[in-house]
């Protein structure tokens, strides 16, 4: 458990941070080890070798997580900050619940790797780069006017498969979407594709 609480300096709240963008906190969990980071401000953490397994992450600021040689597994990630970024140099990213940053940027670098989030709520931007993408329940935050989405393969090209379902009360704009196999379901008044590539087959509802 790593905690960084808020402090008050001259009557002004100063959010407590874990690490910095230039010098993230470095961890090396033993097999089966579980991490719980909680910060009033930002969280910057790097796992050196093996999986980064998170029970709960709570943050009031930006979050950048890096797994240098392994996979990423998480229960609940709750981020009230501007952005959440996860860079996995393994082949698997799996999250049970992720709420509710302004933007989400996920990258699984391993060839044939997968990114799966069972429940995701995001307000302005969603970027996922992985060869297999499974996002069965995406919620566009209420009151956010437009959600910009980019879903591609691990190298930014066409992915192997995508399964994406979203509920939105406003616009969803796909800046880039490319997949060999594609299954999209929308509960939204307006969807726009600026770039769309489909390999073998695709279904859009």
C-alpha atoms as a PDB file:
ATOM      1  CA  UNK A   1       0.000   0.000   0.000  1.00  0.00           C
ATOM      2  CA  UNK A   2       1.427   3.362  -1.080  1.00  0.00           C
ATOM      3  CA  UNK A   3      -0.360   6.515   0.062  1.00  0.00           C
ATOM      4  CA  UNK A   4       0.225  10.213  -0.573  1.00  0.00           C
ATOM      5  CA  UNK A   5      -2.186  12.445   1.310  1.00  0.00           C
ATOM      6  CA  UNK A   6      -2.929  16.120   0.715  1.00  0.00           C
ATOM      7  CA  UNK A   7      -1.073  18.741   2.713  1.00  0.00           C
ATOM      8  CA  UNK A   8      -1.860  22.368   3.429  1.00  0.00           C
ATOM      9  CA  UNK A   9       0.788  25.027   2.785  1.00  0.00           C
ATOM     10  CA  UNK A  10      -0.060  28.610   3.808  1.00  0.00           C
ATOM     11  CA  UNK A  11      -3.734  27.727   3.771  1.00  0.00           C
ATOM     12  CA  UNK A  12      -3.588  26.211   0.258  1.00  0.00           C
ATOM     13  CA  UNK A  13      -4.222  22.503  -0.331  1.00  0.00           C
ATOM     14  CA  UNK A  14      -1.294  20.799  -2.057  1.00  0.00           C
ATOM     15  CA  UNK A  15      -2.168  17.409  -3.515  1.00  0.00           C
ATOM     16  CA  UNK A  16       0.098  14.561  -2.489  1.00  0.00           C
ATOM     17  CA  UNK A  17       1.716  12.743  -5.422  1.00  0.00           C
ATOM     18  CA  UNK A  18       3.346   9.345  -5.839  1.00  0.00           C
ATOM     19  CA  UNK A  19       6.397   9.830  -8.050  1.00  0.00           C
ATOM     20  CA  UNK A  20       6.823  12.392 -10.817  1.00  0.00           C
ATOM     21  CA  UNK A  21       6.690  12.130 -14.631  1.00  0.00           C
ATOM     22  CA  UNK A  22      10.510  12.191 -14.775  1.00  0.00           C
ATOM     23  CA  UNK A  23      11.069   9.993 -11.713  1.00  0.00           C
ATOM     24  CA  UNK A  24       8.213   7.535 -11.236  1.00  0.00           C
ATOM     25  CA  UNK A  25       8.024   5.362  -8.172  1.00  0.00           C
ATOM     26  CA  UNK A  26       9.614   2.007  -9.006  1.00  0.00           C
ATOM     27  CA  UNK A  27       8.226  -1.275  -7.663  1.00  0.00           C
ATOM     28  CA  UNK A  28       9.167  -4.917  -8.188  1.00  0.00           C
ATOM     29  CA  UNK A  29       6.342  -7.086  -6.888  1.00  0.00           C
ATOM     30  CA  UNK A  30       7.040 -10.687  -5.952  1.00  0.00           C
ATOM     31  CA  UNK A  31       4.862 -13.276  -7.742  1.00  0.00           C
ATOM     32  CA  UNK A  32       1.366 -12.937  -6.274  1.00  0.00           C
ATOM     33  CA  UNK A  33       2.130  -9.504  -4.832  1.00  0.00           C
ATOM     34  CA  UNK A  34      -0.704  -6.957  -4.881  1.00  0.00           C
ATOM     35  CA  UNK A  35      -0.308  -3.188  -5.070  1.00  0.00           C
ATOM     36  CA  UNK A  36      -2.740  -0.556  -3.695  1.00  0.00           C
ATOM     37  CA  UNK A  37      -1.769   3.053  -4.586  1.00  0.00           C
ATOM     38  CA  UNK A  38      -3.830   5.939  -3.189  1.00  0.00           C
ATOM     39  CA  UNK A  39      -2.976   9.583  -3.806  1.00  0.00           C
ATOM     40  CA  UNK A  40      -4.753  12.886  -3.428  1.00  0.00           C
ATOM     41  CA  UNK A  41      -2.776  14.008  -6.487  1.00  0.00           C
ATOM     42  CA  UNK A  42      -0.967  12.187  -9.292  1.00  0.00           C
ATOM     43  CA  UNK A  43       0.393   8.630  -9.464  1.00  0.00           C
ATOM     44  CA  UNK A  44       3.463   7.679 -11.509  1.00  0.00           C
ATOM     45  CA  UNK A  45       4.572   4.060 -11.032  1.00  0.00           C
ATOM     46  CA  UNK A  46       6.731   1.578 -12.956  1.00  0.00           C
ATOM     47  CA  UNK A  47       6.844  -2.179 -12.387  1.00  0.00           C
ATOM     48  CA  UNK A  48      10.348  -3.428 -13.213  1.00  0.00           C
ATOM     49  CA  UNK A  49       9.926  -7.139 -13.836  1.00  0.00           C
ATOM     50  CA  UNK A  50       6.815  -9.268 -13.921  1.00  0.00           C
ATOM     51  CA  UNK A  51       3.134  -8.445 -13.552  1.00  0.00           C
ATOM     52  CA  UNK A  52       1.714  -5.309 -11.965  1.00  0.00           C
ATOM     53  CA  UNK A  53      -1.352  -6.457 -10.012  1.00  0.00           C
ATOM     54  CA  UNK A  54      -3.483  -3.713  -8.475  1.00  0.00           C
ATOM     55  CA  UNK A  55      -6.343  -4.269  -6.068  1.00  0.00           C
ATOM     56  CA  UNK A  56      -7.572  -0.650  -5.982  1.00  0.00           C
ATOM     57  CA  UNK A  57      -6.109   2.582  -7.286  1.00  0.00           C
ATOM     58  CA  UNK A  58      -7.535   5.934  -6.162  1.00  0.00           C
ATOM     59  CA  UNK A  59      -6.186   9.182  -7.573  1.00  0.00           C
ATOM     60  CA  UNK A  60      -7.157  12.835  -7.802  1.00  0.00           C
ATOM     61  CA  UNK A  61      -4.601  13.641 -10.518  1.00  0.00           C
ATOM     62  CA  UNK A  62      -3.006  12.178 -13.639  1.00  0.00           C
ATOM     63  CA  UNK A  63      -1.981   8.508 -13.575  1.00  0.00           C
ATOM     64  CA  UNK A  64       0.847   6.937 -15.596  1.00  0.00           C
ATOM     65  CA  UNK A  65       1.557   3.236 -15.034  1.00  0.00           C
ATOM     66  CA  UNK A  66       4.283   1.306 -16.865  1.00  0.00           C
ATOM     67  CA  UNK A  67       4.899  -2.439 -16.838  1.00  0.00           C
ATOM     68  CA  UNK A  68       8.411  -2.901 -18.191  1.00  0.00           C
ATOM     69  CA  UNK A  69       8.378  -6.691 -18.535  1.00  0.00           C
ATOM     70  CA  UNK A  70       5.036  -8.315 -17.792  1.00  0.00           C
ATOM     71  CA  UNK A  71       1.264  -7.969 -17.750  1.00  0.00           C
ATOM     72  CA  UNK A  72      -1.223  -5.688 -16.000  1.00  0.00           C
ATOM     73  CA  UNK A  73      -4.144  -6.861 -13.845  1.00  0.00           C
ATOM     74  CA  UNK A  74      -6.433  -4.571 -11.834  1.00  0.00           C
ATOM     75  CA  UNK A  75      -9.667  -4.669  -9.887  1.00  0.00           C
ATOM     76  CA  UNK A  76     -10.811  -1.043  -9.517  1.00  0.00           C
ATOM     77  CA  UNK A  77      -9.088   2.039 -10.908  1.00  0.00           C
ATOM     78  CA  UNK A  78     -10.810   5.250  -9.798  1.00  0.00           C
ATOM     79  CA  UNK A  79      -9.252   8.389 -11.222  1.00  0.00           C
ATOM     80  CA  UNK A  80     -10.725  11.865 -10.881  1.00  0.00           C
ATOM     81  CA  UNK A  81      -7.815  13.473 -12.728  1.00  0.00           C
ATOM     82  CA  UNK A  82      -7.304  14.572 -16.312  1.00  0.00           C
ATOM     83  CA  UNK A  83      -5.681  11.461 -17.744  1.00  0.00           C
ATOM     84  CA  UNK A  84      -4.882   7.814 -17.136  1.00  0.00           C
ATOM     85  CA  UNK A  85      -2.151   6.110 -19.182  1.00  0.00           C
ATOM     86  CA  UNK A  86      -1.053   2.471 -18.953  1.00  0.00           C
ATOM     87  CA  UNK A  87       1.839   1.128 -21.040  1.00  0.00           C
ATOM     88  CA  UNK A  88       2.259  -2.660 -20.893  1.00  0.00           C
ATOM     89  CA  UNK A  89       5.332  -4.233 -22.485  1.00  0.00           C
ATOM     90  CA  UNK A  90       3.789  -7.690 -22.045  1.00  0.00           C
ATOM     91  CA  UNK A  91       0.803  -9.207 -23.825  1.00  0.00           C
ATOM     92  CA  UNK A  92      -2.155  -8.687 -21.491  1.00  0.00           C
ATOM     93  CA  UNK A  93      -4.015  -5.848 -19.788  1.00  0.00           C
ATOM     94  CA  UNK A  94      -7.137  -6.698 -17.801  1.00  0.00           C
ATOM     95  CA  UNK A  95      -9.199  -4.303 -15.641  1.00  0.00           C
ATOM     96  CA  UNK A  96     -12.495  -5.039 -13.906  1.00  0.00           C
ATOM     97  CA  UNK A  97     -13.635  -1.405 -13.426  1.00  0.00           C
ATOM     98  CA  UNK A  98     -12.174   1.927 -14.536  1.00  0.00           C
ATOM     99  CA  UNK A  99     -13.812   5.259 -13.579  1.00  0.00           C
ATOM    100  CA  UNK A 100     -13.809   8.251 -14.558  1.00  0.00           C
ATOM    101  CA  UNK A 101     -10.838  10.137 -16.030  1.00  0.00           C
ATOM    102  CA  UNK A 102     -11.128  12.741 -18.758  1.00  0.00           C
ATOM    103  CA  UNK A 103      -8.954  10.613 -21.051  1.00  0.00           C
ATOM    104  CA  UNK A 104      -7.732   6.998 -21.144  1.00  0.00           C
ATOM    105  CA  UNK A 105      -4.677   5.814 -23.124  1.00  0.00           C
ATOM    106  CA  UNK A 106      -3.856   2.091 -23.041  1.00  0.00           C
ATOM    107  CA  UNK A 107      -1.079   0.272 -24.899  1.00  0.00           C
ATOM    108  CA  UNK A 108      -0.310  -3.463 -24.926  1.00  0.00           C
ATOM    109  CA  UNK A 109       2.908  -3.866 -26.891  1.00  0.00           C
ATOM    110  CA  UNK A 110       3.071  -7.674 -27.109  1.00  0.00           C
ATOM    111  CA  UNK A 111       2.306  -9.247 -30.486  1.00  0.00           C
ATOM    112  CA  UNK A 112      -1.167 -10.799 -30.363  1.00  0.00           C
ATOM    113  CA  UNK A 113      -1.770  -9.210 -26.955  1.00  0.00           C
ATOM    114  CA  UNK A 114      -5.130  -8.257 -25.476  1.00  0.00           C
ATOM    115  CA  UNK A 115      -6.683  -5.304 -23.646  1.00  0.00           C
ATOM    116  CA  UNK A 116      -9.894  -5.962 -21.724  1.00  0.00           C
ATOM    117  CA  UNK A 117     -11.891  -3.618 -19.470  1.00  0.00           C
ATOM    118  CA  UNK A 118     -15.180  -5.003 -18.196  1.00  0.00           C
ATOM    119  CA  UNK A 119     -16.649  -1.624 -17.118  1.00  0.00           C
ATOM    120  CA  UNK A 120     -15.197   1.689 -18.324  1.00  0.00           C
ATOM    121  CA  UNK A 121     -16.461   5.248 -17.845  1.00  0.00           C
ATOM    122  CA  UNK A 122     -14.616   8.082 -19.628  1.00  0.00           C
ATOM    123  CA  UNK A 123     -15.559  11.631 -20.580  1.00  0.00           C
ATOM    124  CA  UNK A 124     -13.490  13.005 -23.491  1.00  0.00           C
ATOM    125  CA  UNK A 125     -10.941  10.642 -25.101  1.00  0.00           C
ATOM    126  CA  UNK A 126     -10.292   6.899 -25.320  1.00  0.00           C
ATOM    127  CA  UNK A 127      -7.237   5.425 -27.046  1.00  0.00           C
ATOM    128  CA  UNK A 128      -6.462   1.697 -27.042  1.00  0.00           C
ATOM    129  CA  UNK A 129      -3.618   0.056 -28.956  1.00  0.00           C
ATOM    130  CA  UNK A 130      -3.675  -3.746 -28.729  1.00  0.00           C
ATOM    131  CA  UNK A 131      -4.121  -6.608 -31.181  1.00  0.00           C
ATOM    132  CA  UNK A 132      -7.273  -7.822 -29.414  1.00  0.00           C
ATOM    133  CA  UNK A 133      -9.577  -5.260 -27.767  1.00  0.00           C
ATOM    134  CA  UNK A 134     -12.554  -6.200 -25.599  1.00  0.00           C
ATOM    135  CA  UNK A 135     -14.599  -3.298 -24.182  1.00  0.00           C
ATOM    136  CA  UNK A 136     -18.105  -4.699 -23.571  1.00  0.00           C
ATOM    137  CA  UNK A 137     -19.465  -1.832 -21.455  1.00  0.00           C
ATOM    138  CA  UNK A 138     -18.193   1.692 -22.125  1.00  0.00           C
ATOM    139  CA  UNK A 139     -20.083   4.607 -20.601  1.00  0.00           C
ATOM    140  CA  UNK A 140     -19.623   8.142 -21.930  1.00  0.00           C
ATOM    141  CA  UNK A 141     -19.801  10.407 -18.872  1.00  0.00           C
ATOM    142  CA  UNK A 142     -23.045  12.341 -18.549  1.00  0.00           C
ATOM    143  CA  UNK A 143     -22.699  15.964 -19.601  1.00  0.00           C
ATOM    144  CA  UNK A 144     -19.526  15.418 -21.661  1.00  0.00           C
ATOM    145  CA  UNK A 145     -20.272  16.706 -25.183  1.00  0.00           C
ATOM    146  CA  UNK A 146     -18.041  14.526 -27.395  1.00  0.00           C
ATOM    147  CA  UNK A 147     -16.055  11.332 -26.875  1.00  0.00           C
ATOM    148  CA  UNK A 148     -13.100  10.862 -29.234  1.00  0.00           C
ATOM    149  CA  UNK A 149     -12.093   7.220 -29.726  1.00  0.00           C
ATOM    150  CA  UNK A 150      -9.067   5.561 -31.337  1.00  0.00           C
ATOM    151  CA  UNK A 151      -8.862   1.743 -31.445  1.00  0.00           C
ATOM    152  CA  UNK A 152      -5.952   0.158 -33.328  1.00  0.00           C
ATOM    153  CA  UNK A 153      -3.442  -2.680 -33.182  1.00  0.00           C
ATOM    154  CA  UNK A 154      -0.386  -2.728 -30.949  1.00  0.00           C
ATOM    155  CA  UNK A 155       1.709  -0.897 -33.538  1.00  0.00           C
ATOM    156  CA  UNK A 156      -1.001   1.591 -34.487  1.00  0.00           C
ATOM    157  CA  UNK A 157      -2.140  -0.465 -37.493  1.00  0.00           C
ATOM    158  CA  UNK A 158      -5.048  -2.867 -37.882  1.00  0.00           C
ATOM    159  CA  UNK A 159      -5.841  -5.015 -34.845  1.00  0.00           C
ATOM    160  CA  UNK A 160      -6.832  -8.684 -34.956  1.00  0.00           C
ATOM    161  CA  UNK A 161     -10.230  -8.230 -33.290  1.00  0.00           C
ATOM    162  CA  UNK A 162     -12.369  -5.613 -31.566  1.00  0.00           C
ATOM    163  CA  UNK A 163     -15.528  -6.013 -29.495  1.00  0.00           C
ATOM    164  CA  UNK A 164     -16.799  -2.594 -28.412  1.00  0.00           C
ATOM    165  CA  UNK A 165     -20.136  -1.544 -26.894  1.00  0.00           C
ATOM    166  CA  UNK A 166     -20.881   2.012 -25.741  1.00  0.00           C
ATOM    167  CA  UNK A 167     -23.702   4.023 -24.207  1.00  0.00           C
ATOM    168  CA  UNK A 168     -23.566   7.757 -24.868  1.00  0.00           C
ATOM    169  CA  UNK A 169     -26.088  10.563 -24.573  1.00  0.00           C
ATOM    170  CA  UNK A 170     -24.079  12.651 -27.032  1.00  0.00           C
ATOM    171  CA  UNK A 171     -21.585  12.341 -29.901  1.00  0.00           C
ATOM    172  CA  UNK A 172     -18.952   9.616 -30.385  1.00  0.00           C
ATOM    173  CA  UNK A 173     -16.210  10.369 -32.929  1.00  0.00           C
ATOM    174  CA  UNK A 174     -13.766   7.684 -34.085  1.00  0.00           C
ATOM    175  CA  UNK A 175     -10.527   9.414 -35.015  1.00  0.00           C
ATOM    176  CA  UNK A 176      -9.115   6.038 -36.055  1.00  0.00           C
ATOM    177  CA  UNK A 177     -10.447   2.512 -36.028  1.00  0.00           C
ATOM    178  CA  UNK A 178      -8.871  -0.499 -37.689  1.00  0.00           C
ATOM    179  CA  UNK A 179      -9.501  -4.209 -37.135  1.00  0.00           C
ATOM    180  CA  UNK A 180      -9.476  -7.484 -39.019  1.00  0.00           C
ATOM    181  CA  UNK A 181     -12.653  -8.525 -37.164  1.00  0.00           C
ATOM    182  CA  UNK A 182     -15.007  -5.877 -35.821  1.00  0.00           C
ATOM    183  CA  UNK A 183     -18.144  -5.904 -33.657  1.00  0.00           C
ATOM    184  CA  UNK A 184     -19.465  -2.481 -32.566  1.00  0.00           C
ATOM    185  CA  UNK A 185     -22.665  -1.717 -30.678  1.00  0.00           C
ATOM    186  CA  UNK A 186     -23.799   1.872 -30.062  1.00  0.00           C
ATOM    187  CA  UNK A 187     -26.512   3.334 -27.880  1.00  0.00           C
ATOM    188  CA  UNK A 188     -25.876   6.881 -29.055  1.00  0.00           C
ATOM    189  CA  UNK A 189     -27.616   9.609 -31.027  1.00  0.00           C
ATOM    190  CA  UNK A 190     -24.604  10.387 -33.224  1.00  0.00           C
ATOM    191  CA  UNK A 191     -21.555   8.364 -34.318  1.00  0.00           C
ATOM    192  CA  UNK A 192     -18.918   9.561 -36.789  1.00  0.00           C
ATOM    193  CA  UNK A 193     -16.006   7.655 -38.348  1.00  0.00           C
ATOM    194  CA  UNK A 194     -13.130   9.784 -39.608  1.00  0.00           C
ATOM    195  CA  UNK A 195     -11.017   6.695 -40.389  1.00  0.00           C
ATOM    196  CA  UNK A 196     -12.305   3.103 -40.594  1.00  0.00           C
ATOM    197  CA  UNK A 197     -10.481  -0.025 -41.800  1.00  0.00           C
ATOM    198  CA  UNK A 198     -12.048  -3.500 -41.754  1.00  0.00           C
ATOM    199  CA  UNK A 199     -10.163  -6.636 -42.805  1.00  0.00           C
ATOM    200  CA  UNK A 200     -12.232  -9.855 -42.937  1.00  0.00           C
ATOM    201  CA  UNK A 201     -15.592  -8.773 -41.504  1.00  0.00           C
ATOM    202  CA  UNK A 202     -17.317  -6.136 -39.419  1.00  0.00           C
ATOM    203  CA  UNK A 203     -20.706  -5.541 -37.834  1.00  0.00           C
ATOM    204  CA  UNK A 204     -21.934  -2.159 -36.596  1.00  0.00           C
ATOM    205  CA  UNK A 205     -25.244  -1.738 -34.746  1.00  0.00           C
END
